[in-house]
Protein backbone atom coordinates (compact mmCIF):
# COMPACT_ATOMS: atom_id res chain seq x y z
CA UNK A 1 0.01 0.00 -0.02
CA UNK A 2 1.41 3.36 -1.01
CA UNK A 3 2.21 6.11 1.48
CA UNK A 4 -0.47 8.32 -0.18
CA UNK A 5 -3.11 5.67 0.32
CA UNK A 6 -2.12 5.10 3.97
CA UNK A 7 -2.29 8.85 4.62
CA UNK A 8 -5.70 9.03 2.97
CA UNK A 9 -7.07 6.16 5.10
CA UNK A 10 -5.75 7.70 8.33
CA UNK A 11 -7.15 11.09 7.39
CA UNK A 12 -10.53 9.58 6.55
CA UNK A 13 -10.73 7.75 9.91
CA UNK A 14 -9.71 10.79 11.96
CA UNK A 15 -11.93 13.13 9.99
CA UNK A 16 -14.99 10.97 10.50
CA UNK A 17 -14.32 10.81 14.25
CA UNK A 18 -13.77 14.54 14.56
CA UNK A 19 -17.06 15.27 12.75
CA UNK A 20 -18.98 12.94 15.02
CA UNK A 21 -17.46 14.50 18.16
CA UNK A 22 -18.22 18.04 16.96
CA UNK A 23 -21.84 17.14 16.25
CA UNK A 24 -22.34 15.55 19.61
CA UNK A 25 -20.66 18.34 21.50
CA UNK A 26 -19.42 16.00 24.17
CA UNK A 27 -18.09 12.50 24.68
CA UNK A 28 -14.63 12.90 23.06
CA UNK A 29 -11.81 11.05 24.83
CA UNK A 30 -8.21 10.02 24.27
CA UNK A 31 -5.86 7.61 25.90
CA UNK A 32 -2.65 5.60 25.95
CA UNK A 33 -1.88 1.98 26.91
CA UNK A 34 1.19 -0.23 27.23
CA UNK A 35 1.69 -3.90 27.89
CA UNK A 36 3.14 -7.26 26.79
CA UNK A 37 2.17 -9.42 23.82
CA UNK A 38 2.61 -13.12 23.36
CA UNK A 39 3.02 -13.76 19.60
CA UNK A 40 1.37 -16.94 18.40
CA UNK A 41 3.42 -19.46 16.39
CA UNK A 42 2.72 -19.22 12.71
CA UNK A 43 3.76 -21.00 9.50
CA UNK A 44 5.66 -19.31 6.61
CA UNK A 45 4.71 -20.66 3.22
CA UNK A 46 6.97 -21.84 0.41
CA UNK A 47 10.27 -23.69 0.25
CA UNK A 48 11.95 -21.09 2.43
CA UNK A 49 9.31 -21.30 5.10
CA UNK A 50 8.33 -23.55 8.02
CA UNK A 51 7.03 -23.04 11.51
CA UNK A 52 7.99 -19.70 12.98
CA UNK A 53 8.13 -19.16 16.73
CA UNK A 54 8.43 -15.84 18.54
CA UNK A 55 9.52 -14.50 21.92
CA UNK A 56 7.16 -12.32 23.95
CA UNK A 57 7.42 -8.61 23.26
CA UNK A 58 6.04 -5.18 24.13
CA UNK A 59 2.87 -3.54 22.79
CA UNK A 60 1.80 0.08 22.93
CA UNK A 61 -1.25 1.98 21.73
CA UNK A 62 -2.72 5.48 21.54
CA UNK A 63 -6.34 6.20 20.69
CA UNK A 64 -9.02 8.79 20.37
CA UNK A 65 -12.72 7.95 20.66
CA UNK A 66 -16.24 9.13 21.27
CA UNK A 67 -18.80 7.89 23.80
CA UNK A 68 -22.24 7.96 22.16
CA UNK A 69 -24.27 7.13 25.27
CA UNK A 70 -26.38 3.97 25.78
CA UNK A 71 -23.12 2.10 26.56
CA UNK A 72 -21.61 2.32 23.05
CA UNK A 73 -18.20 3.86 22.22
CA UNK A 74 -16.15 4.01 19.05
CA UNK A 75 -12.48 4.84 18.74
CA UNK A 76 -9.52 4.95 16.37
CA UNK A 77 -6.44 3.22 17.66
CA UNK A 78 -2.85 3.26 16.51
CA UNK A 79 -0.82 0.40 18.03
CA UNK A 80 2.51 -1.33 17.61
CA UNK A 81 3.54 -4.86 18.59
CA UNK A 82 7.05 -6.25 18.47
CA UNK A 83 8.41 -9.77 18.81
CA UNK A 84 11.87 -11.26 18.34
CA UNK A 85 12.06 -14.42 16.24
CA UNK A 86 12.86 -17.50 18.26
CA UNK A 87 13.13 -20.20 15.64
CA UNK A 88 12.24 -20.95 11.99
CA UNK A 89 11.65 -24.59 10.97
CA UNK A 90 13.32 -25.77 14.16
CA UNK A 91 16.48 -23.66 13.61
CA UNK A 92 17.44 -20.85 16.02
CA UNK A 93 16.41 -17.59 14.44
CA UNK A 94 17.29 -13.92 14.72
CA UNK A 95 15.57 -10.69 13.72
CA UNK A 96 12.33 -9.02 14.70
CA UNK A 97 8.71 -8.91 13.60
CA UNK A 98 6.86 -5.62 13.92
CA UNK A 99 3.09 -5.09 13.52
CA UNK A 100 1.90 -1.48 13.25
CA UNK A 101 -1.91 -1.32 13.14
CA UNK A 102 -4.57 1.31 12.63
CA UNK A 103 -7.91 0.01 13.91
CA UNK A 104 -11.50 1.19 14.36
CA UNK A 105 -12.84 -0.29 17.61
CA UNK A 106 -16.48 -0.52 18.66
CA UNK A 107 -16.80 -1.05 22.38
CA UNK A 108 -19.77 -1.84 24.62
CA UNK A 109 -19.65 -0.85 28.29
CA UNK A 110 -21.55 -3.37 30.49
CA UNK A 111 -23.62 -1.39 32.91
CA UNK A 112 -23.20 -2.82 36.45
CA UNK A 113 -23.64 -1.16 39.82
CA UNK A 114 -19.98 -1.56 40.78
CA UNK A 115 -17.06 0.87 40.97
CA UNK A 116 -15.56 -0.83 37.87
CA UNK A 117 -17.08 -0.94 34.40
CA UNK A 118 -16.50 -4.10 32.33
CA UNK A 119 -16.42 -3.74 28.54
CA UNK A 120 -16.10 -5.85 25.42
CA UNK A 121 -15.35 -4.84 21.85
CA UNK A 122 -14.15 -5.69 18.38
CA UNK A 123 -11.81 -3.87 16.00
CA UNK A 124 -11.20 -3.88 12.25
CA UNK A 125 -8.46 -2.18 10.35
CA UNK A 126 -5.08 -2.43 8.68
CA UNK A 127 -1.68 -3.62 9.85
CA UNK A 128 1.79 -3.31 8.42
CA UNK A 129 3.79 -6.47 9.05
CA UNK A 130 7.53 -5.83 8.83
CA UNK A 131 10.30 -8.39 9.18
CA UNK A 132 13.59 -6.79 10.18
CA UNK A 133 16.69 -8.94 9.67
CA UNK A 134 14.64 -12.08 10.07
CA UNK A 135 16.58 -15.25 9.32
CA UNK A 136 17.07 -18.03 8.35
CA UNK A 137 14.45 -18.34 5.60
CA UNK A 138 15.75 -20.79 3.00
CA UNK A 139 19.33 -19.76 3.61
CA UNK A 140 18.46 -16.10 3.36
CA UNK A 141 16.87 -13.37 5.43
CA UNK A 142 13.87 -11.03 5.17
CA UNK A 143 13.84 -7.28 5.30
CA UNK A 144 10.44 -6.63 3.84
CA UNK A 145 6.92 -5.45 4.82
CA UNK A 146 3.33 -5.75 3.70
CA UNK A 147 0.10 -4.07 4.75
CA UNK A 148 -2.87 -6.36 5.22
CA UNK A 149 -6.26 -6.50 6.97
CA UNK A 150 -6.47 -7.09 10.69
CA UNK A 151 -9.03 -7.60 13.45
CA UNK A 152 -9.02 -7.77 17.21
CA UNK A 153 -11.26 -8.81 20.08
CA UNK A 154 -11.21 -6.83 23.28
CA UNK A 155 -12.34 -7.50 26.89
CA UNK A 156 -11.47 -5.40 29.91
CA UNK A 157 -12.49 -3.26 32.86
CA UNK A 158 -12.08 0.40 33.71
CA UNK A 159 -12.28 2.48 36.87
CA UNK A 160 -12.97 6.19 37.16
CA UNK A 161 -10.25 7.94 39.10
CA UNK A 162 -11.93 11.34 38.59
CA UNK A 163 -14.71 12.81 36.50
CA UNK A 164 -12.36 12.86 33.52
CA UNK A 165 -9.66 10.21 34.09
CA UNK A 166 -10.16 6.47 33.89
CA UNK A 167 -7.59 3.72 34.45
CA UNK A 168 -8.19 0.51 32.55
CA UNK A 169 -6.80 -2.91 31.91
CA UNK A 170 -7.76 -5.24 29.08
CA UNK A 171 -7.01 -8.37 27.05
CA UNK A 172 -6.78 -8.23 23.26
CA UNK A 173 -6.52 -10.93 20.64
CA UNK A 174 -5.03 -9.51 17.47
CA UNK A 175 -4.76 -11.29 14.12
CA UNK A 176 -3.82 -10.26 10.58
CA UNK A 177 -4.31 -11.77 7.12
CA UNK A 178 -1.29 -13.34 5.42
CA UNK A 179 1.44 -10.84 4.65
CA UNK A 180 3.36 -11.42 1.43
CA UNK A 181 7.09 -11.11 1.95
CA UNK A 182 10.25 -11.68 -0.19
CA UNK A 183 13.57 -12.89 1.06
CA UNK A 184 16.86 -11.18 0.03
CA UNK A 185 17.32 -14.12 -2.26
CA UNK A 186 14.10 -13.17 -4.12
CA UNK A 187 12.00 -16.13 -2.80
CA UNK A 188 8.40 -15.29 -1.92
CA UNK A 189 6.79 -16.39 1.34
CA UNK A 190 3.77 -15.39 3.36
CA UNK A 191 2.59 -15.66 6.95
CA UNK A 192 0.02 -14.16 9.30
CA UNK A 193 0.79 -12.52 12.63
CA UNK A 194 -1.32 -12.85 15.80
CA UNK A 195 -0.88 -12.01 19.45
CA UNK A 196 -2.49 -12.34 22.89
CA UNK A 197 -1.91 -9.03 24.67
CA UNK A 198 -2.48 -7.59 28.13
CA UNK A 199 -2.54 -3.76 28.45
CA UNK A 200 -2.82 -1.14 31.16
CA UNK A 201 -3.67 2.41 30.34
CA UNK A 202 -5.25 5.79 31.10
CA UNK A 203 -8.18 7.41 29.38
CA UNK A 204 -8.96 11.20 29.51
CA UNK A 205 -12.51 12.39 28.77
CA UNK A 206 -12.59 15.93 27.42
CA UNK A 207 -16.28 16.32 28.34
CA UNK A 208 -16.01 15.65 32.05
CA UNK A 209 -18.45 17.27 34.44
CA UNK A 210 -17.82 20.92 35.21
CA UNK A 211 -20.74 21.10 37.60
CA UNK A 212 -20.40 22.22 41.20
CA UNK A 213 -20.78 19.28 43.55
CA UNK A 214 -23.11 20.77 46.15
CA UNK A 215 -26.18 22.96 45.79
CA UNK A 216 -27.22 24.68 49.01
CA UNK A 217 -30.79 25.42 49.85
CA UNK A 218 -31.95 28.42 47.83
CA UNK A 219 -34.77 29.84 45.80
CA UNK A 220 -35.05 26.70 43.64
CA UNK A 221 -35.97 24.84 46.82
CA UNK A 222 -38.37 27.59 47.92
CA UNK A 223 -41.40 25.42 48.57
CA UNK A 224 -39.49 22.98 50.78
CA UNK A 225 -37.63 25.75 52.58
CA UNK A 226 -40.88 27.62 53.24
CA UNK A 227 -42.39 24.52 54.84
CA UNK A 228 -39.30 23.98 56.97
CA UNK A 229 -38.98 27.57 58.21
CA UNK A 230 -42.66 28.49 58.57
CA UNK A 231 -43.65 29.89 61.95
CA UNK A 232 -45.95 27.76 64.07
CA UNK A 233 -49.41 29.32 64.41
CA UNK A 234 -50.32 29.79 68.04
CA UNK A 235 -53.24 27.76 69.32
CA UNK A 236 -56.34 29.61 70.68
CA UNK A 237 -55.79 30.76 74.29
CA UNK A 238 -58.32 29.68 76.89
CA UNK A 239 -59.57 32.57 79.10
CA UNK A 240 -59.97 32.08 82.85
CA UNK A 241 -63.57 31.67 84.10
CA UNK A 242 -65.01 34.80 85.75
CA UNK A 243 -66.17 34.50 89.38
CA UNK A 244 -69.30 36.30 90.58
CA UNK A 245 -68.83 39.98 91.26
CA UNK A 246 -65.16 39.77 90.24
CA UNK A 247 -63.95 41.89 87.37
CA UNK A 248 -62.72 39.67 84.54
CA UNK A 249 -58.99 39.87 83.81
CA UNK A 250 -57.76 38.40 80.50
CA UNK A 251 -55.06 35.82 80.64
CA UNK A 252 -51.89 36.62 78.64
CA UNK A 253 -51.08 34.40 75.66
CA UNK A 254 -48.26 31.95 76.23
CA UNK A 255 -45.45 32.49 73.63
CA UNK A 256 -45.05 29.53 71.30
CA UNK A 257 -41.58 28.19 70.38
CA UNK A 258 -40.26 29.26 67.00
CA UNK A 259 -38.91 26.57 64.72
CA UNK A 260 -35.17 27.19 64.48
CA UNK A 261 -33.71 28.19 61.13
CA UNK A 262 -31.43 25.48 59.75
CA UNK A 263 -27.84 26.58 59.62
CA UNK A 264 -26.74 23.83 57.18
CA UNK A 265 -27.83 23.21 53.59
CA UNK A 266 -30.74 20.80 53.04
CA UNK A 267 -30.40 20.29 49.26
CA UNK A 268 -27.49 18.68 47.45
CA UNK A 269 -26.61 17.19 44.11
CA UNK A 270 -24.43 14.18 43.24
CA UNK A 271 -23.19 14.08 39.62
CA UNK A 272 -22.45 11.08 37.47
CA UNK A 273 -20.24 10.25 34.51
CA UNK A 274 -21.78 9.89 31.05
CA UNK A 275 -24.07 6.85 30.89
CA UNK A 276 -23.01 5.60 34.33
CA UNK A 277 -24.76 4.79 37.61
CA UNK A 278 -21.62 4.11 39.65
CA UNK A 279 -20.74 6.73 42.24
CA UNK A 280 -17.52 8.66 41.62
CA UNK A 281 -15.10 9.46 44.52
CA UNK A 282 -16.45 13.06 44.45
CA UNK A 283 -20.00 11.70 44.74
CA UNK A 284 -19.13 9.59 47.74
CA UNK A 285 -17.53 12.58 49.43
CA UNK A 286 -20.76 14.58 48.99
CA UNK A 287 -22.88 11.78 50.36
CA UNK A 288 -20.61 11.61 53.41
CA UNK A 289 -21.02 15.34 53.92
CA UNK A 290 -24.77 15.07 53.62
CA UNK A 291 -24.88 12.24 56.12
CA UNK A 292 -22.86 14.27 58.65
CA UNK A 293 -25.05 17.38 58.14
CA UNK A 294 -28.24 15.35 58.53
CA UNK A 295 -27.03 13.85 61.79
CA UNK A 296 -25.98 17.29 63.10
CA UNK A 297 -29.50 18.54 62.43
CA UNK A 298 -31.02 15.30 63.80
CA UNK A 299 -32.68 14.48 60.47
CA UNK A 300 -33.30 10.90 59.41
CA UNK A 301 -35.38 11.18 56.21
CA UNK A 302 -34.13 11.76 52.71
CA UNK A 303 -35.71 12.40 49.30
CA UNK A 304 -33.67 11.31 46.25
CA UNK A 305 -34.52 12.10 42.60
CA UNK A 306 -32.53 10.66 39.74
CA UNK A 307 -31.96 12.44 36.42
CA UNK A 308 -30.10 11.99 33.12
CA UNK A 309 -29.03 14.07 30.20
CA UNK A 310 -30.69 13.66 26.73
CA UNK A 311 -28.22 11.13 25.29
CA UNK A 312 -29.81 7.70 24.77
CA UNK A 313 -33.42 6.62 24.39
CA UNK A 314 -36.09 7.94 26.77
CA UNK A 315 -36.90 4.49 28.20
CA UNK A 316 -33.22 3.77 28.79
CA UNK A 317 -32.71 7.12 30.51
CA UNK A 318 -35.57 6.56 32.88
CA UNK A 319 -34.06 3.24 34.00
CA UNK A 320 -30.63 4.83 34.27
CA UNK A 321 -31.95 7.63 36.50
CA UNK A 322 -33.51 5.02 38.79
CA UNK A 323 -30.24 3.13 39.04
CA UNK A 324 -28.48 6.36 39.96
CA UNK A 325 -31.01 7.08 42.71
CA UNK A 326 -30.70 3.50 43.97
CA UNK A 327 -26.88 3.79 44.04
CA UNK A 328 -27.14 6.95 46.22
CA UNK A 329 -29.70 5.24 48.45
CA UNK A 330 -27.40 2.28 48.96
CA UNK A 331 -24.58 4.63 49.98
CA UNK A 332 -26.77 6.32 52.59
CA UNK A 333 -27.87 2.92 53.95
CA UNK A 334 -24.18 2.06 54.29
CA UNK A 335 -23.75 5.32 56.19
CA UNK A 336 -26.34 4.29 58.78
CA UNK A 337 -29.67 5.50 57.39
CA UNK A 338 -32.74 3.26 57.12
CA UNK A 339 -33.79 2.37 53.56
CA UNK A 340 -37.46 2.85 54.60
CA UNK A 341 -36.66 6.52 55.49
CA UNK A 342 -35.23 7.22 52.01
CA UNK A 343 -37.70 7.90 49.19
CA UNK A 344 -36.47 7.58 45.61
CA UNK A 345 -37.90 8.80 42.28
CA UNK A 346 -36.69 8.60 38.71
CA UNK A 347 -37.25 11.44 36.25
CA UNK A 348 -35.08 10.33 33.37
CA UNK A 349 -34.49 13.23 30.98
CA UNK A 350 -37.80 14.88 31.76
CA UNK A 351 -36.50 17.64 34.16
CA UNK A 352 -33.09 18.90 33.00
CA UNK A 353 -31.26 21.31 35.27
CA UNK A 354 -29.73 23.02 32.27
CA UNK A 355 -31.38 23.96 29.00
CA UNK A 356 -30.44 21.23 26.51
CA UNK A 357 -31.41 22.94 23.28
CA UNK A 358 -29.08 21.36 20.72
CA UNK A 359 -26.92 19.79 23.42
CA UNK A 360 -27.68 16.21 24.43
CA UNK A 361 -24.54 15.72 26.49
CA UNK A 362 -24.90 18.09 29.44
CA UNK A 363 -22.88 17.06 32.55
CA UNK A 364 -25.07 19.02 34.97
CA UNK A 365 -28.11 16.97 34.00
CA UNK A 366 -26.51 13.64 35.00
CA UNK A 367 -27.41 13.89 38.64
CA UNK A 368 -29.28 12.76 41.76
CA UNK A 369 -30.86 15.52 43.79
CA UNK A 370 -30.83 14.98 47.61
CA UNK A 371 -33.25 16.83 49.79
CA UNK A 372 -33.43 16.72 53.64
CA UNK A 373 -37.16 17.32 54.29
């Protein structure tokens, strides 16, 4: 494949991804991963071939992608795998095999109520297979390369360190079509290249939440606050009975206690990552603060309302908002509250906190509102 064709393919892939990200307005991410690859034994064709064995080698990858909501992501990945030759046709070998790949991966995040998020995926693309000083092949060596089709299968887990940074680990099976190569002696041979790889990496989401973690009681909670701070109406005062020939003297009204004004907030918000119901470290910190404030004010009841942004189908978002509310409820139960004292509701995308006109991916709408009644 010519350099011009390779450049065109790379430009096409990157351009398509950039357009998708710009249209969505959010969900763009990038990352890097490193690890080790076990190259699978292969067979080189022709008179100069035979069974080829490899040593284990390093693998590295960089990628950019887009999270479309509803658990689906797509990314473009540039990776390189290297493996020293161990033997050819039973003879000790030297040289190195290099596989440089450009893949489009489609990944599905499995939604579980755990701190980690499992995922599976597949990838299709192109790989350049290069043999550098590889010998012996029929009494000669190979310094040649070929670009062929490739695919990979992916399975892994990731964990959110912050709103924008994930750490992940995954397994990948990578395989190419047969690469046509020519020895220095002019003899043609071909072979595929496949590996089992384990990688660790970091992923940065450019559309992380910029929302403030806590909302104090204010005008948007006016109805609740009015109920909490309303003065108690004094009961009718009974007048003393008049005795005969005694001038009636009215009894003074007994002052009623005034409900104290709360000095701590009674409304909070916990935010969530795109398409996730798992609590982030920041969310757990807020829940701990709410629990401490509630105990200080001797309050035991909580109202929780789950919400989502407008990415994904309406039915899916309603279920996601309920899972978010249930995750917050479980955290309060772990903090010592009774589940029966915690009411939960799911609103889905019906009541956004921020106007979503033309913007489906709004971080401030991925939330659970907490109210201390």
